[in-house]
C-alpha atoms as a PDB file:
ATOM      1  CA  MET A   1     125.910  83.658  92.299  1.00  0.00           C
ATOM      2  CA  ALA A   2     128.894  83.594  94.589  1.00  0.00           C
ATOM      3  CA  LYS A   3     131.811  85.922  93.968  1.00  0.00           C
ATOM      4  CA  ALA A   4     135.426  85.053  94.678  1.00  0.00           C
ATOM      5  CA  ILE A   5     137.095  87.026  97.438  1.00  0.00           C
ATOM      6  CA  ARG A   6     140.793  86.531  98.107  1.00  0.00           C
ATOM      7  CA  GLY A   7     140.786  83.011  96.802  1.00  0.00           C
ATOM      8  CA  ARG A   8     137.496  81.940  98.389  1.00  0.00           C
ATOM      9  CA  THR A   9     133.860  82.206  97.419  1.00  0.00           C
ATOM     10  CA  MET A  10     131.643  84.882  98.953  1.00  0.00           C
ATOM     11  CA  GLY A  11     128.236  83.524  99.941  1.00  0.00           C
ATOM     12  CA  ALA A  12     124.887  85.310  99.854  1.00  0.00           C
ATOM     13  CA  ALA A  13     125.085  86.319 103.523  1.00  0.00           C
ATOM     14  CA  GLU A  14     128.560  87.805 103.154  1.00  0.00           C
ATOM     15  CA  ARG A  15     127.501  89.657 100.013  1.00  0.00           C
ATOM     16  CA  ALA A  16     124.402  90.958 101.808  1.00  0.00           C
ATOM     17  CA  ILE A  17     126.459  92.258 104.718  1.00  0.00           C
ATOM     18  CA  LYS A  18     128.909  93.869 102.310  1.00  0.00           C
ATOM     19  CA  ASN A  19     125.946  95.593 100.608  1.00  0.00           C
ATOM     20  CA  GLY A  20     124.520  96.817 103.926  1.00  0.00           C
ATOM     21  CA  TYR A  21     121.817  94.175 104.509  1.00  0.00           C
ATOM     22  CA  ARG A  22     121.392  91.575 107.238  1.00  0.00           C
ATOM     23  CA  SER A  23     120.555  88.614 105.006  1.00  0.00           C
ATOM     24  CA  GLY A  24     120.807  87.300 101.476  1.00  0.00           C
ATOM     25  CA  LEU A  25     117.014  87.545 101.137  1.00  0.00           C
ATOM     26  CA  GLU A  26     117.036  91.256 102.021  1.00  0.00           C
ATOM     27  CA  ASP A  27     119.831  91.773  99.483  1.00  0.00           C
ATOM     28  CA  ARG A  28     117.826  89.961  96.744  1.00  0.00           C
ATOM     29  CA  ILE A  29     114.693  91.991  97.516  1.00  0.00           C
ATOM     30  CA  SER A  30     116.654  95.263  97.333  1.00  0.00           C
ATOM     31  CA  ASP A  31     118.082  94.146  93.956  1.00  0.00           C
ATOM     32  CA  GLN A  32     114.531  93.398  92.778  1.00  0.00           C
ATOM     33  CA  LEU A  33     113.223  96.809  93.826  1.00  0.00           C
ATOM     34  CA  LYS A  34     116.209  98.562  92.249  1.00  0.00           C
ATOM     35  CA  GLY A  35     115.661  96.574  89.039  1.00  0.00           C
ATOM     36  CA  LEU A  36     112.029  97.734  88.985  1.00  0.00           C
ATOM     37  CA  SER A  37     113.154 101.336  89.676  1.00  0.00           C
ATOM     38  CA  VAL A  38     111.017 101.360  92.819  1.00  0.00           C
ATOM     39  CA  PRO A  39     112.242 103.739  95.503  1.00  0.00           C
ATOM     40  CA  PHE A  40     112.262 102.146  98.940  1.00  0.00           C
ATOM     41  CA  LYS A  41     113.481 102.753 102.436  1.00  0.00           C
ATOM     42  CA  TYR A  42     115.522 100.120 104.233  1.00  0.00           C
ATOM     43  CA  GLU A  43     115.452 100.007 108.048  1.00  0.00           C
ATOM     44  CA  GLU A  44     115.015 103.768 108.314  1.00  0.00           C
ATOM     45  CA  PHE A  45     112.408 103.930 111.054  1.00  0.00           C
ATOM     46  CA  LYS A  46     111.425 102.153 114.235  1.00  0.00           C
ATOM     47  CA  ILE A  47     107.999 101.151 115.544  1.00  0.00           C
ATOM     48  CA  LYS A  48     107.501 101.100 119.296  1.00  0.00           C
ATOM     49  CA  TYR A  49     105.553  98.228 120.826  1.00  0.00           C
ATOM     50  CA  GLU A  50     105.128  96.997 124.357  1.00  0.00           C
ATOM     51  CA  VAL A  51     105.721  93.614 125.870  1.00  0.00           C
ATOM     52  CA  HIS A  52     106.371  94.324 129.530  1.00  0.00           C
ATOM     53  CA  GLU A  53     108.530  97.202 128.491  1.00  0.00           C
ATOM     54  CA  VAL A  54     108.647  99.459 125.456  1.00  0.00           C
ATOM     55  CA  ARG A  55     110.677  97.994 122.619  1.00  0.00           C
ATOM     56  CA  THR A  56     111.221  98.983 119.030  1.00  0.00           C
ATOM     57  CA  TYR A  57     110.834  97.042 115.823  1.00  0.00           C
ATOM     58  CA  THR A  58     112.764  98.115 112.741  1.00  0.00           C
ATOM     59  CA  PRO A  59     110.985  96.971 109.561  1.00  0.00           C
ATOM     60  CA  ASP A  60     113.163  95.818 106.694  1.00  0.00           C
ATOM     61  CA  PHE A  61     111.558  97.711 103.792  1.00  0.00           C
ATOM     62  CA  GLU A  62     108.977 100.480 103.439  1.00  0.00           C
ATOM     63  CA  LEU A  63     107.551 100.947  99.949  1.00  0.00           C
ATOM     64  CA  PRO A  64     106.381 104.359  98.687  1.00  0.00           C
ATOM     65  CA  ASN A  65     102.746 103.238  99.046  1.00  0.00           C
ATOM     66  CA  GLY A  66     103.241 102.650 102.792  1.00  0.00           C
ATOM     67  CA  ILE A  67     103.446  98.850 102.631  1.00  0.00           C
ATOM     68  CA  ILE A  68     105.986  97.497 105.113  1.00  0.00           C
ATOM     69  CA  VAL A  69     107.818  94.365 103.989  1.00  0.00           C
ATOM     70  CA  GLU A  70     109.572  92.095 106.466  1.00  0.00           C
ATOM     71  CA  SER A  71     111.847  89.462 104.933  1.00  0.00           C
ATOM     72  CA  LYS A  72     112.238  86.205 106.835  1.00  0.00           C
ATOM     73  CA  GLY A  73     114.331  83.127 106.325  1.00  0.00           C
ATOM     74  CA  ARG A  74     113.666  81.774 109.813  1.00  0.00           C
ATOM     75  CA  PHE A  75     110.452  82.843 111.539  1.00  0.00           C
ATOM     76  CA  VAL A  76     111.004  81.948 115.194  1.00  0.00           C
ATOM     77  CA  ALA A  77     108.549  82.215 118.097  1.00  0.00           C
ATOM     78  CA  ALA A  78     109.955  85.575 119.241  1.00  0.00           C
ATOM     79  CA  ASP A  79     109.372  87.026 115.745  1.00  0.00           C
ATOM     80  CA  ARG A  80     105.813  85.719 115.635  1.00  0.00           C
ATOM     81  CA  LYS A  81     105.030  87.116 119.099  1.00  0.00           C
ATOM     82  CA  LYS A  82     106.546  90.503 118.198  1.00  0.00           C
ATOM     83  CA  HIS A  83     104.508  90.773 115.007  1.00  0.00           C
ATOM     84  CA  LEU A  84     101.260  89.918 116.765  1.00  0.00           C
ATOM     85  CA  LEU A  85     101.966  92.641 119.356  1.00  0.00           C
ATOM     86  CA  VAL A  86     102.928  95.206 116.699  1.00  0.00           C
ATOM     87  CA  LYS A  87      99.785  94.388 114.676  1.00  0.00           C
ATOM     88  CA  LYS A  88      97.578  94.730 117.764  1.00  0.00           C
ATOM     89  CA  GLN A  89      99.182  98.012 118.830  1.00  0.00           C
ATOM     90  CA  HIS A  90      99.472  99.467 115.280  1.00  0.00           C
ATOM     91  CA  PRO A  91      96.476  98.161 113.282  1.00  0.00           C
ATOM     92  CA  GLU A  92      96.878 101.038 110.807  1.00  0.00           C
ATOM     93  CA  LEU A  93     100.126  99.541 109.457  1.00  0.00           C
ATOM     94  CA  ASP A  94     100.186  97.237 106.437  1.00  0.00           C
ATOM     95  CA  ILE A  95     102.948  94.783 107.367  1.00  0.00           C
ATOM     96  CA  ARG A  96     103.602  91.913 104.951  1.00  0.00           C
ATOM     97  CA  PHE A  97     106.142  89.101 104.858  1.00  0.00           C
ATOM     98  CA  VAL A  98     108.440  87.727 102.192  1.00  0.00           C
ATOM     99  CA  PHE A  99     109.691  84.306 103.226  1.00  0.00           C
ATOM    100  CA  SER A 100     112.523  82.246 101.826  1.00  0.00           C
ATOM    101  CA  ASN A 101     109.984  79.397 101.981  1.00  0.00           C
ATOM    102  CA  SER A 102     106.490  79.926 103.425  1.00  0.00           C
ATOM    103  CA  ARG A 103     105.999  76.135 103.550  1.00  0.00           C
ATOM    104  CA  ASN A 104     108.566  75.821 106.355  1.00  0.00           C
ATOM    105  CA  LYS A 105     107.040  74.660 109.619  1.00  0.00           C
ATOM    106  CA  ILE A 106     106.985  77.023 112.599  1.00  0.00           C
ATOM    107  CA  ILE A 107     108.682  74.335 114.702  1.00  0.00           C
ATOM    108  CA  LYS A 108     110.041  70.902 113.925  1.00  0.00           C
ATOM    109  CA  GLY A 109     107.212  68.364 113.737  1.00  0.00           C
ATOM    110  CA  SER A 110     104.468  71.012 113.586  1.00  0.00           C
ATOM    111  CA  LYS A 111     101.728  70.859 110.979  1.00  0.00           C
ATOM    112  CA  THR A 112     101.620  74.680 110.930  1.00  0.00           C
ATOM    113  CA  SER A 113     103.675  76.396 108.237  1.00  0.00           C
ATOM    114  CA  TYR A 114     104.703  80.045 108.079  1.00  0.00           C
ATOM    115  CA  ALA A 115     101.926  80.476 105.479  1.00  0.00           C
ATOM    116  CA  ASP A 116      99.353  78.882 107.822  1.00  0.00           C
ATOM    117  CA  TRP A 117     100.409  81.234 110.634  1.00  0.00           C
ATOM    118  CA  CYS A 118     100.063  84.276 108.342  1.00  0.00           C
ATOM    119  CA  ASN A 119      96.639  83.185 107.119  1.00  0.00           C
ATOM    120  CA  LYS A 120      95.430  82.572 110.681  1.00  0.00           C
ATOM    121  CA  ASN A 121      96.688  85.961 111.887  1.00  0.00           C
ATOM    122  CA  GLY A 122      95.708  88.101 108.899  1.00  0.00           C
ATOM    123  CA  PHE A 123      99.128  88.791 107.386  1.00  0.00           C
ATOM    124  CA  ILE A 124      99.768  88.886 103.645  1.00  0.00           C
ATOM    125  CA  TYR A 125     102.875  86.977 102.533  1.00  0.00           C
ATOM    126  CA  ALA A 126     104.882  85.869  99.538  1.00  0.00           C
ATOM    127  CA  ASP A 127     107.922  83.715  98.780  1.00  0.00           C
ATOM    128  CA  LYS A 128     111.368  84.792  97.561  1.00  0.00           C
ATOM    129  CA  LEU A 129     110.591  88.309  96.279  1.00  0.00           C
ATOM    130  CA  ILE A 130     108.057  91.081  96.683  1.00  0.00           C
ATOM    131  CA  PRO A 131     105.158  90.521  94.256  1.00  0.00           C
ATOM    132  CA  GLU A 132     104.959  93.335  91.696  1.00  0.00           C
ATOM    133  CA  GLU A 133     101.279  93.784  92.636  1.00  0.00           C
ATOM    134  CA  TRP A 134     102.417  95.004  96.060  1.00  0.00           C
ATOM    135  CA  VAL A 135     104.681  97.579  94.462  1.00  0.00           C
ATOM    136  CA  LYS A 136     101.911  98.796  92.126  1.00  0.00           C
ATOM    137  CA  GLU A 137      99.225  98.769  94.836  1.00  0.00           C
ATOM    138  CA  ARG A 138      97.808 102.110  95.913  1.00  0.00           C
ATOM    139  CA  GLY A 139      98.698 103.090  99.457  1.00  0.00           C
ATOM    140  CA  LYS A 140      96.032 102.354 102.039  1.00  0.00           C
ATOM    141  CA  LYS A 141      97.980 103.202 105.160  1.00  0.00           C
ATOM    142  CA  LYS A 142      99.938 106.175 106.413  1.00  0.00           C
ATOM    143  CA  GLN A 143     103.674 106.036 105.953  1.00  0.00           C
ATOM    144  CA  LEU A 144     105.797 106.169 109.072  1.00  0.00           C
ATOM    145  CA  ARG A 145     108.309 108.829 109.832  1.00  0.00           C
ATOM    146  CA  LYS A 146     111.818 108.342 111.123  1.00  0.00           C
ATOM    147  CA  SER A 147     111.988 108.465 114.900  1.00  0.00           C
END
């Protein structure tokens, strides 16, 4: 679904940036939530976590029920490390992933996929879009406040 801009085609990433998102996947998920009339927050709060210094993580989407959704095309080692630290330091948070393709391998030649990593580390995940069950699910966790 590319749109023409000044004689050239606008790709998903350009459209996402134009719409205020960082990726085409985030843009598609926001369209899905809007289509379902689900209110959501996009990158409105930060979660502190420590490595050797205090850092912050800004989740992509927070649903009204408190579920945090992180959309990932690429899921690199730094992302995986960050999410393990955040989970350890904030076990009360319900952080879930939506991948472009959960069958992608964590590194070239690895047998471990993004899905395998999530299963091993206790993260719930989906492909392409947020499952409607997540949206309809009752909140189990406290929602975060803007910092």
